[in-house]
Amino acid sequence: MSKKPAWIETVDEADAADAVKAAYEECGDRKTGKVDHIMKVHSLHPQSMLDHQQLYVTLMYGRGPLSRPQREMIGTVVSALNHCVY
């Protein structure tokens, strides 16, 4: 288990195996393989990580009345209001 900023126990990339490793490969950065902490909090239940990723993709890239820049701006404003650095 890693000692990262999350207060939830997480599985480090180096220790990931089986379903967790597959979820990390699916949800990690395609170039670096690095997995964001917001995804690692799901590492004890990898299906929830994959579901989180699918929700993000649907919200940010799915059909709808908002443009991609508008969606990004909403995310930025909400993060700022929540004092979130993501």
PDB file of N, CA and C in Angstrom:
ATOM      1  N   MET A   1       0.835  -1.179   0.000  1.00  0.00           N
ATOM      2  CA  MET A   1       0.000   0.000   0.000  1.00  0.00           C
ATOM      3  C   MET A   1       0.883   1.247   0.000  1.00  0.00           C
ATOM      4  N   SER A   2       0.422   2.276  -0.664  1.00  0.00           N
ATOM      5  CA  SER A   2       1.233   3.484  -0.763  1.00  0.00           C
ATOM      6  C   SER A   2       0.838   4.498   0.302  1.00  0.00           C
ATOM      7  N   LYS A   3       1.718   5.451   0.535  1.00  0.00           N
ATOM      8  CA  LYS A   3       1.461   6.531   1.479  1.00  0.00           C
ATOM      9  C   LYS A   3       1.362   7.824   0.698  1.00  0.00           C
ATOM     10  N   LYS A   4       0.369   7.929  -0.157  1.00  0.00           N
ATOM     11  CA  LYS A   4       0.146   9.091  -1.006  1.00  0.00           C
ATOM     12  C   LYS A   4      -0.831  10.039  -0.316  1.00  0.00           C
ATOM     13  N   PRO A   5      -1.163  11.181  -0.947  1.00  0.00           N
ATOM     14  CA  PRO A   5      -2.049  12.152  -0.325  1.00  0.00           C
ATOM     15  C   PRO A   5      -3.445  11.634   0.034  1.00  0.00           C
ATOM     16  N   ALA A   6      -3.910  10.562  -0.596  1.00  0.00           N
ATOM     17  CA  ALA A   6      -5.243  10.052  -0.276  1.00  0.00           C
ATOM     18  C   ALA A   6      -5.268   9.502   1.146  1.00  0.00           C
ATOM     19  N   TRP A   7      -6.367   9.696   1.828  1.00  0.00           N
ATOM     20  CA  TRP A   7      -6.527   9.141   3.160  1.00  0.00           C
ATOM     21  C   TRP A   7      -7.032   7.708   3.071  1.00  0.00           C
ATOM     22  N   ILE A   8      -7.356   7.302   1.879  1.00  0.00           N
ATOM     23  CA  ILE A   8      -7.849   5.957   1.623  1.00  0.00           C
ATOM     24  C   ILE A   8      -6.653   5.103   1.220  1.00  0.00           C
ATOM     25  N   GLU A   9      -6.616   3.875   1.701  1.00  0.00           N
ATOM     26  CA  GLU A   9      -5.532   2.985   1.285  1.00  0.00           C
ATOM     27  C   GLU A   9      -5.595   2.785  -0.218  1.00  0.00           C
ATOM     28  N   THR A  10      -4.440   2.825  -0.849  1.00  0.00           N
ATOM     29  CA  THR A  10      -4.368   2.628  -2.291  1.00  0.00           C
ATOM     30  C   THR A  10      -3.277   1.616  -2.616  1.00  0.00           C
ATOM     31  N   VAL A  11      -3.373   1.057  -3.797  1.00  0.00           N
ATOM     32  CA  VAL A  11      -2.363   0.126  -4.282  1.00  0.00           C
ATOM     33  C   VAL A  11      -1.406   0.903  -5.177  1.00  0.00           C
ATOM     34  N   ASP A  12      -0.124   0.850  -4.876  1.00  0.00           N
ATOM     35  CA  ASP A  12       0.890   1.521  -5.685  1.00  0.00           C
ATOM     36  C   ASP A  12       0.980   0.841  -7.049  1.00  0.00           C
ATOM     37  N   GLU A  13       1.332   1.602  -8.081  1.00  0.00           N
ATOM     38  CA  GLU A  13       1.457   1.017  -9.426  1.00  0.00           C
ATOM     39  C   GLU A  13       2.398  -0.188  -9.438  1.00  0.00           C
ATOM     40  N   ALA A  14       3.499  -0.089  -8.706  1.00  0.00           N
ATOM     41  CA  ALA A  14       4.492  -1.171  -8.691  1.00  0.00           C
ATOM     42  C   ALA A  14       3.950  -2.449  -8.052  1.00  0.00           C
ATOM     43  N   ASP A  15       2.944  -2.310  -7.196  1.00  0.00           N
ATOM     44  CA  ASP A  15       2.376  -3.465  -6.496  1.00  0.00           C
ATOM     45  C   ASP A  15       1.095  -3.983  -7.140  1.00  0.00           C
ATOM     46  N   ALA A  16       0.624  -3.310  -8.170  1.00  0.00           N
ATOM     47  CA  ALA A  16      -0.654  -3.679  -8.780  1.00  0.00           C
ATOM     48  C   ALA A  16      -0.549  -5.008  -9.524  1.00  0.00           C
ATOM     49  N   ALA A  17      -1.581  -5.813  -9.373  1.00  0.00           N
ATOM     50  CA  ALA A  17      -1.651  -7.097 -10.078  1.00  0.00           C
ATOM     51  C   ALA A  17      -3.097  -7.351 -10.500  1.00  0.00           C
ATOM     52  N   ASP A  18      -3.267  -8.231 -11.444  1.00  0.00           N
ATOM     53  CA  ASP A  18      -4.574  -8.711 -11.879  1.00  0.00           C
ATOM     54  C   ASP A  18      -5.518  -7.561 -12.251  1.00  0.00           C
ATOM     55  N   ALA A  19      -6.694  -7.514 -11.612  1.00  0.00           N
ATOM     56  CA  ALA A  19      -7.721  -6.533 -11.983  1.00  0.00           C
ATOM     57  C   ALA A  19      -7.262  -5.101 -11.729  1.00  0.00           C
ATOM     58  N   VAL A  20      -6.504  -4.889 -10.658  1.00  0.00           N
ATOM     59  CA  VAL A  20      -6.016  -3.533 -10.356  1.00  0.00           C
ATOM     60  C   VAL A  20      -5.030  -3.088 -11.430  1.00  0.00           C
ATOM     61  N   LYS A  21      -4.126  -3.962 -11.806  1.00  0.00           N
ATOM     62  CA  LYS A  21      -3.154  -3.631 -12.852  1.00  0.00           C
ATOM     63  C   LYS A  21      -3.867  -3.313 -14.161  1.00  0.00           C
ATOM     64  N   ALA A  22      -4.866  -4.106 -14.512  1.00  0.00           N
ATOM     65  CA  ALA A  22      -5.622  -3.865 -15.749  1.00  0.00           C
ATOM     66  C   ALA A  22      -6.353  -2.529 -15.688  1.00  0.00           C
ATOM     67  N   ALA A  23      -6.937  -2.209 -14.537  1.00  0.00           N
ATOM     68  CA  ALA A  23      -7.634  -0.929 -14.386  1.00  0.00           C
ATOM     69  C   ALA A  23      -6.647   0.233 -14.467  1.00  0.00           C
ATOM     70  N   TYR A  24      -5.476   0.091 -13.850  1.00  0.00           N
ATOM     71  CA  TYR A  24      -4.455   1.132 -13.938  1.00  0.00           C
ATOM     72  C   TYR A  24      -4.022   1.344 -15.386  1.00  0.00           C
ATOM     73  N   GLU A  25      -3.864   0.260 -16.120  1.00  0.00           N
ATOM     74  CA  GLU A  25      -3.471   0.386 -17.529  1.00  0.00           C
ATOM     75  C   GLU A  25      -4.557   1.096 -18.337  1.00  0.00           C
ATOM     76  N   GLU A  26      -5.810   0.835 -18.012  1.00  0.00           N
ATOM     77  CA  GLU A  26      -6.935   1.460 -18.719  1.00  0.00           C
ATOM     78  C   GLU A  26      -7.087   2.937 -18.348  1.00  0.00           C
ATOM     79  N   CYS A  27      -6.870   3.261 -17.079  1.00  0.00           N
ATOM     80  CA  CYS A  27      -7.163   4.607 -16.581  1.00  0.00           C
ATOM     81  C   CYS A  27      -5.933   5.496 -16.419  1.00  0.00           C
ATOM     82  N   GLY A  28      -4.748   4.939 -16.540  1.00  0.00           N
ATOM     83  CA  GLY A  28      -3.526   5.721 -16.375  1.00  0.00           C
ATOM     84  C   GLY A  28      -3.196   6.544 -17.607  1.00  0.00           C
ATOM     85  N   ASP A  29      -2.251   7.437 -17.453  1.00  0.00           N
ATOM     86  CA  ASP A  29      -1.782   8.264 -18.556  1.00  0.00           C
ATOM     87  C   ASP A  29      -1.184   7.366 -19.633  1.00  0.00           C
ATOM     88  N   ARG A  30      -1.619   7.548 -20.854  1.00  0.00           N
ATOM     89  CA  ARG A  30      -1.190   6.675 -21.958  1.00  0.00           C
ATOM     90  C   ARG A  30       0.313   6.773 -22.234  1.00  0.00           C
ATOM     91  N   LYS A  31       0.906   7.925 -21.974  1.00  0.00           N
ATOM     92  CA  LYS A  31       2.333   8.113 -22.259  1.00  0.00           C
ATOM     93  C   LYS A  31       3.223   7.672 -21.103  1.00  0.00           C
ATOM     94  N   THR A  32       2.831   8.029 -19.886  1.00  0.00           N
ATOM     95  CA  THR A  32       3.698   7.774 -18.732  1.00  0.00           C
ATOM     96  C   THR A  32       3.286   6.562 -17.899  1.00  0.00           C
ATOM     97  N   GLY A  33       2.033   6.147 -18.028  1.00  0.00           N
ATOM     98  CA  GLY A  33       1.528   5.056 -17.202  1.00  0.00           C
ATOM     99  C   GLY A  33       1.148   5.493 -15.801  1.00  0.00           C
ATOM    100  N   LYS A  34       1.379   6.769 -15.487  1.00  0.00           N
ATOM    101  CA  LYS A  34       1.077   7.297 -14.153  1.00  0.00           C
ATOM    102  C   LYS A  34      -0.440   7.341 -13.942  1.00  0.00           C
ATOM    103  N   VAL A  35      -0.862   6.965 -12.742  1.00  0.00           N
ATOM    104  CA  VAL A  35      -2.280   6.945 -12.396  1.00  0.00           C
ATOM    105  C   VAL A  35      -2.547   8.075 -11.405  1.00  0.00           C
ATOM    106  N   ASP A  36      -3.510   8.931 -11.719  1.00  0.00           N
ATOM    107  CA  ASP A  36      -3.854  10.038 -10.831  1.00  0.00           C
ATOM    108  C   ASP A  36      -4.403   9.516  -9.499  1.00  0.00           C
ATOM    109  N   HIS A  37      -4.157  10.268  -8.440  1.00  0.00           N
ATOM    110  CA  HIS A  37      -4.640   9.881  -7.113  1.00  0.00           C
ATOM    111  C   HIS A  37      -6.157   9.740  -7.087  1.00  0.00           C
ATOM    112  N   ILE A  38      -6.843  10.589  -7.845  1.00  0.00           N
ATOM    113  CA  ILE A  38      -8.307  10.533  -7.864  1.00  0.00           C
ATOM    114  C   ILE A  38      -8.805   9.186  -8.379  1.00  0.00           C
ATOM    115  N   MET A  39      -7.983   8.513  -9.182  1.00  0.00           N
ATOM    116  CA  MET A  39      -8.334   7.174  -9.656  1.00  0.00           C
ATOM    117  C   MET A  39      -7.815   6.099  -8.699  1.00  0.00           C
ATOM    118  N   LYS A  40      -6.665   6.346  -8.094  1.00  0.00           N
ATOM    119  CA  LYS A  40      -6.086   5.354  -7.185  1.00  0.00           C
ATOM    120  C   LYS A  40      -6.962   5.078  -5.968  1.00  0.00           C
ATOM    121  N   VAL A  41      -7.793   6.038  -5.576  1.00  0.00           N
ATOM    122  CA  VAL A  41      -8.653   5.795  -4.414  1.00  0.00           C
ATOM    123  C   VAL A  41      -9.623   4.648  -4.669  1.00  0.00           C
ATOM    124  N   HIS A  42      -9.772   4.268  -5.921  1.00  0.00           N
ATOM    125  CA  HIS A  42     -10.637   3.137  -6.280  1.00  0.00           C
ATOM    126  C   HIS A  42      -9.868   1.820  -6.347  1.00  0.00           C
ATOM    127  N   SER A  43      -8.596   1.816  -6.039  1.00  0.00           N
ATOM    128  CA  SER A  43      -7.762   0.638  -6.307  1.00  0.00           C
ATOM    129  C   SER A  43      -8.164  -0.604  -5.517  1.00  0.00           C
ATOM    130  N   LEU A  44      -8.854  -0.439  -4.405  1.00  0.00           N
ATOM    131  CA  LEU A  44      -9.312  -1.612  -3.667  1.00  0.00           C
ATOM    132  C   LEU A  44     -10.584  -2.195  -4.274  1.00  0.00           C
ATOM    133  N   HIS A  45     -11.175  -1.463  -5.210  1.00  0.00           N
ATOM    134  CA  HIS A  45     -12.363  -1.932  -5.935  1.00  0.00           C
ATOM    135  C   HIS A  45     -12.206  -1.481  -7.385  1.00  0.00           C
ATOM    136  N   PRO A  46     -11.411  -2.203  -8.178  1.00  0.00           N
ATOM    137  CA  PRO A  46     -11.043  -1.749  -9.524  1.00  0.00           C
ATOM    138  C   PRO A  46     -12.215  -1.482 -10.463  1.00  0.00           C
ATOM    139  N   GLN A  47     -13.339  -2.182 -10.283  1.00  0.00           N
ATOM    140  CA  GLN A  47     -14.480  -1.919 -11.165  1.00  0.00           C
ATOM    141  C   GLN A  47     -14.992  -0.497 -10.973  1.00  0.00           C
ATOM    142  N   SER A  48     -14.946   0.011  -9.737  1.00  0.00           N
ATOM    143  CA  SER A  48     -15.385   1.392  -9.515  1.00  0.00           C
ATOM    144  C   SER A  48     -14.451   2.379 -10.209  1.00  0.00           C
ATOM    145  N   MET A  49     -13.169   2.028 -10.337  1.00  0.00           N
ATOM    146  CA  MET A  49     -12.226   2.876 -11.076  1.00  0.00           C
ATOM    147  C   MET A  49     -12.618   2.939 -12.549  1.00  0.00           C
ATOM    148  N   LEU A  50     -12.927   1.785 -13.110  1.00  0.00           N
ATOM    149  CA  LEU A  50     -13.336   1.746 -14.517  1.00  0.00           C
ATOM    150  C   LEU A  50     -14.654   2.484 -14.720  1.00  0.00           C
ATOM    151  N   ASP A  51     -15.577   2.360 -13.773  1.00  0.00           N
ATOM    152  CA  ASP A  51     -16.850   3.081 -13.854  1.00  0.00           C
ATOM    153  C   ASP A  51     -16.629   4.590 -13.758  1.00  0.00           C
ATOM    154  N   HIS A  52     -15.731   5.012 -12.870  1.00  0.00           N
ATOM    155  CA  HIS A  52     -15.388   6.433 -12.726  1.00  0.00           C
ATOM    156  C   HIS A  52     -14.837   6.967 -14.052  1.00  0.00           C
ATOM    157  N   GLN A  53     -13.941   6.209 -14.660  1.00  0.00           N
ATOM    158  CA  GLN A  53     -13.348   6.615 -15.940  1.00  0.00           C
ATOM    159  C   GLN A  53     -14.426   6.751 -17.012  1.00  0.00           C
ATOM    160  N   GLN A  54     -15.353   5.799 -17.061  1.00  0.00           N
ATOM    161  CA  GLN A  54     -16.420   5.846 -18.064  1.00  0.00           C
ATOM    162  C   GLN A  54     -17.326   7.051 -17.839  1.00  0.00           C
ATOM    163  N   LEU A  55     -17.635   7.356 -16.581  1.00  0.00           N
ATOM    164  CA  LEU A  55     -18.448   8.534 -16.279  1.00  0.00           C
ATOM    165  C   LEU A  55     -17.739   9.797 -16.753  1.00  0.00           C
ATOM    166  N   TYR A  56     -16.448   9.909 -16.466  1.00  0.00           N
ATOM    167  CA  TYR A  56     -15.671  11.075 -16.904  1.00  0.00           C
ATOM    168  C   TYR A  56     -15.710  11.219 -18.425  1.00  0.00           C
ATOM    169  N   VAL A  57     -15.469  10.128 -19.130  1.00  0.00           N
ATOM    170  CA  VAL A  57     -15.457  10.169 -20.597  1.00  0.00           C
ATOM    171  C   VAL A  57     -16.827  10.591 -21.123  1.00  0.00           C
ATOM    172  N   THR A  58     -17.883  10.050 -20.547  1.00  0.00           N
ATOM    173  CA  THR A  58     -19.235  10.406 -20.975  1.00  0.00           C
ATOM    174  C   THR A  58     -19.516  11.883 -20.722  1.00  0.00           C
ATOM    175  N   LEU A  59     -19.169  12.365 -19.534  1.00  0.00           N
ATOM    176  CA  LEU A  59     -19.430  13.767 -19.205  1.00  0.00           C
ATOM    177  C   LEU A  59     -18.617  14.735 -20.056  1.00  0.00           C
ATOM    178  N   MET A  60     -17.362  14.405 -20.298  1.00  0.00           N
ATOM    179  CA  MET A  60     -16.489  15.338 -20.999  1.00  0.00           C
ATOM    180  C   MET A  60     -16.543  15.217 -22.519  1.00  0.00           C
ATOM    181  N   TYR A  61     -16.857  14.040 -23.032  1.00  0.00           N
ATOM    182  CA  TYR A  61     -16.792  13.824 -24.477  1.00  0.00           C
ATOM    183  C   TYR A  61     -18.118  13.388 -25.095  1.00  0.00           C
ATOM    184  N   GLY A  62     -19.111  13.073 -24.270  1.00  0.00           N
ATOM    185  CA  GLY A  62     -20.392  12.605 -24.788  1.00  0.00           C
ATOM    186  C   GLY A  62     -21.182  13.726 -25.451  1.00  0.00           C
ATOM    187  N   ARG A  63     -22.195  13.314 -26.175  1.00  0.00           N
ATOM    188  CA  ARG A  63     -23.056  14.298 -26.839  1.00  0.00           C
ATOM    189  C   ARG A  63     -23.809  15.107 -25.797  1.00  0.00           C
ATOM    190  N   GLY A  64     -24.039  16.365 -26.101  1.00  0.00           N
ATOM    191  CA  GLY A  64     -24.777  17.224 -25.190  1.00  0.00           C
ATOM    192  C   GLY A  64     -24.732  18.663 -25.658  1.00  0.00           C
ATOM    193  N   PRO A  65     -25.457  19.530 -24.972  1.00  0.00           N
ATOM    194  CA  PRO A  65     -25.552  20.927 -25.399  1.00  0.00           C
ATOM    195  C   PRO A  65     -24.308  21.767 -25.106  1.00  0.00           C
ATOM    196  N   LEU A  66     -23.418  21.280 -24.256  1.00  0.00           N
ATOM    197  CA  LEU A  66     -22.230  22.058 -23.893  1.00  0.00           C
ATOM    198  C   LEU A  66     -21.038  21.657 -24.745  1.00  0.00           C
ATOM    199  N   SER A  67     -20.239  22.662 -25.099  1.00  0.00           N
ATOM    200  CA  SER A  67     -19.004  22.388 -25.843  1.00  0.00           C
ATOM    201  C   SER A  67     -17.949  21.847 -24.874  1.00  0.00           C
ATOM    202  N   ARG A  68     -16.902  21.297 -25.421  1.00  0.00           N
ATOM    203  CA  ARG A  68     -15.811  20.794 -24.574  1.00  0.00           C
ATOM    204  C   ARG A  68     -15.202  21.918 -23.735  1.00  0.00           C
ATOM    205  N   PRO A  69     -14.911  23.092 -24.319  1.00  0.00           N
ATOM    206  CA  PRO A  69     -14.378  24.177 -23.483  1.00  0.00           C
ATOM    207  C   PRO A  69     -15.334  24.581 -22.352  1.00  0.00           C
ATOM    208  N   GLN A  70     -16.635  24.564 -22.610  1.00  0.00           N
ATOM    209  CA  GLN A  70     -17.595  24.898 -21.554  1.00  0.00           C
ATOM    210  C   GLN A  70     -17.538  23.861 -20.429  1.00  0.00           C
ATOM    211  N   ARG A  71     -17.430  22.608 -20.798  1.00  0.00           N
ATOM    212  CA  ARG A  71     -17.340  21.541 -19.794  1.00  0.00           C
ATOM    213  C   ARG A  71     -16.066  21.689 -18.963  1.00  0.00           C
ATOM    214  N   GLU A  72     -14.961  22.003 -19.618  1.00  0.00           N
ATOM    215  CA  GLU A  72     -13.695  22.207 -18.904  1.00  0.00           C
ATOM    216  C   GLU A  72     -13.793  23.400 -17.958  1.00  0.00           C
ATOM    217  N   MET A  73     -14.456  24.465 -18.412  1.00  0.00           N
ATOM    218  CA  MET A  73     -14.601  25.656 -17.570  1.00  0.00           C
ATOM    219  C   MET A  73     -15.441  25.348 -16.335  1.00  0.00           C
ATOM    220  N   ILE A  74     -16.507  24.583 -16.494  1.00  0.00           N
ATOM    221  CA  ILE A  74     -17.322  24.188 -15.346  1.00  0.00           C
ATOM    222  C   ILE A  74     -16.464  23.404 -14.355  1.00  0.00           C
ATOM    223  N   GLY A  75     -15.677  22.473 -14.856  1.00  0.00           N
ATOM    224  CA  GLY A  75     -14.791  21.698 -13.989  1.00  0.00           C
ATOM    225  C   GLY A  75     -13.785  22.573 -13.265  1.00  0.00           C
ATOM    226  N   THR A  76     -13.251  23.561 -13.970  1.00  0.00           N
ATOM    227  CA  THR A  76     -12.275  24.477 -13.378  1.00  0.00           C
ATOM    228  C   THR A  76     -12.910  25.313 -12.274  1.00  0.00           C
ATOM    229  N   VAL A  77     -14.090  25.854 -12.533  1.00  0.00           N
ATOM    230  CA  VAL A  77     -14.776  26.689 -11.543  1.00  0.00           C
ATOM    231  C   VAL A  77     -15.146  25.869 -10.304  1.00  0.00           C
ATOM    232  N   VAL A  78     -15.701  24.691 -10.510  1.00  0.00           N
ATOM    233  CA  VAL A  78     -16.079  23.839  -9.376  1.00  0.00           C
ATOM    234  C   VAL A  78     -14.844  23.454  -8.564  1.00  0.00           C
ATOM    235  N   SER A  79     -13.757  23.116  -9.234  1.00  0.00           N
ATOM    236  CA  SER A  79     -12.521  22.775  -8.524  1.00  0.00           C
ATOM    237  C   SER A  79     -12.015  23.959  -7.710  1.00  0.00           C
ATOM    238  N   ALA A  80     -12.059  25.149  -8.294  1.00  0.00           N
ATOM    239  CA  ALA A  80     -11.612  26.344  -7.572  1.00  0.00           C
ATOM    240  C   ALA A  80     -12.489  26.595  -6.345  1.00  0.00           C
ATOM    241  N   LEU A  81     -13.793  26.454  -6.505  1.00  0.00           N
ATOM    242  CA  LEU A  81     -14.706  26.650  -5.372  1.00  0.00           C
ATOM    243  C   LEU A  81     -14.449  25.637  -4.257  1.00  0.00           C
ATOM    244  N   ASN A  82     -14.021  24.455  -4.639  1.00  0.00           N
ATOM    245  CA  ASN A  82     -13.729  23.400  -3.663  1.00  0.00           C
ATOM    246  C   ASN A  82     -12.273  23.408  -3.191  1.00  0.00           C
ATOM    247  N   HIS A  83     -11.510  24.424  -3.624  1.00  0.00           N
ATOM    248  CA  HIS A  83     -10.088  24.524  -3.275  1.00  0.00           C
ATOM    249  C   HIS A  83      -9.331  23.256  -3.676  1.00  0.00           C
ATOM    250  N   CYS A  84      -9.667  22.732  -4.841  1.00  0.00           N
ATOM    251  CA  CYS A  84      -9.074  21.507  -5.360  1.00  0.00           C
ATOM    252  C   CYS A  84      -8.028  21.864  -6.411  1.00  0.00           C
ATOM    253  N   VAL A  85      -6.863  21.234  -6.340  1.00  0.00           N
ATOM    254  CA  VAL A  85      -5.800  21.549  -7.289  1.00  0.00           C
ATOM    255  C   VAL A  85      -5.903  20.758  -8.583  1.00  0.00           C
ATOM    256  N   TYR A  86      -6.807  19.803  -8.664  1.00  0.00           N
ATOM    257  CA  TYR A  86      -6.944  19.038  -9.897  1.00  0.00           C
ATOM    258  C   TYR A  86      -7.444  19.947 -10.962  1.00  0.00           C
TER     259      TYR A  86
END
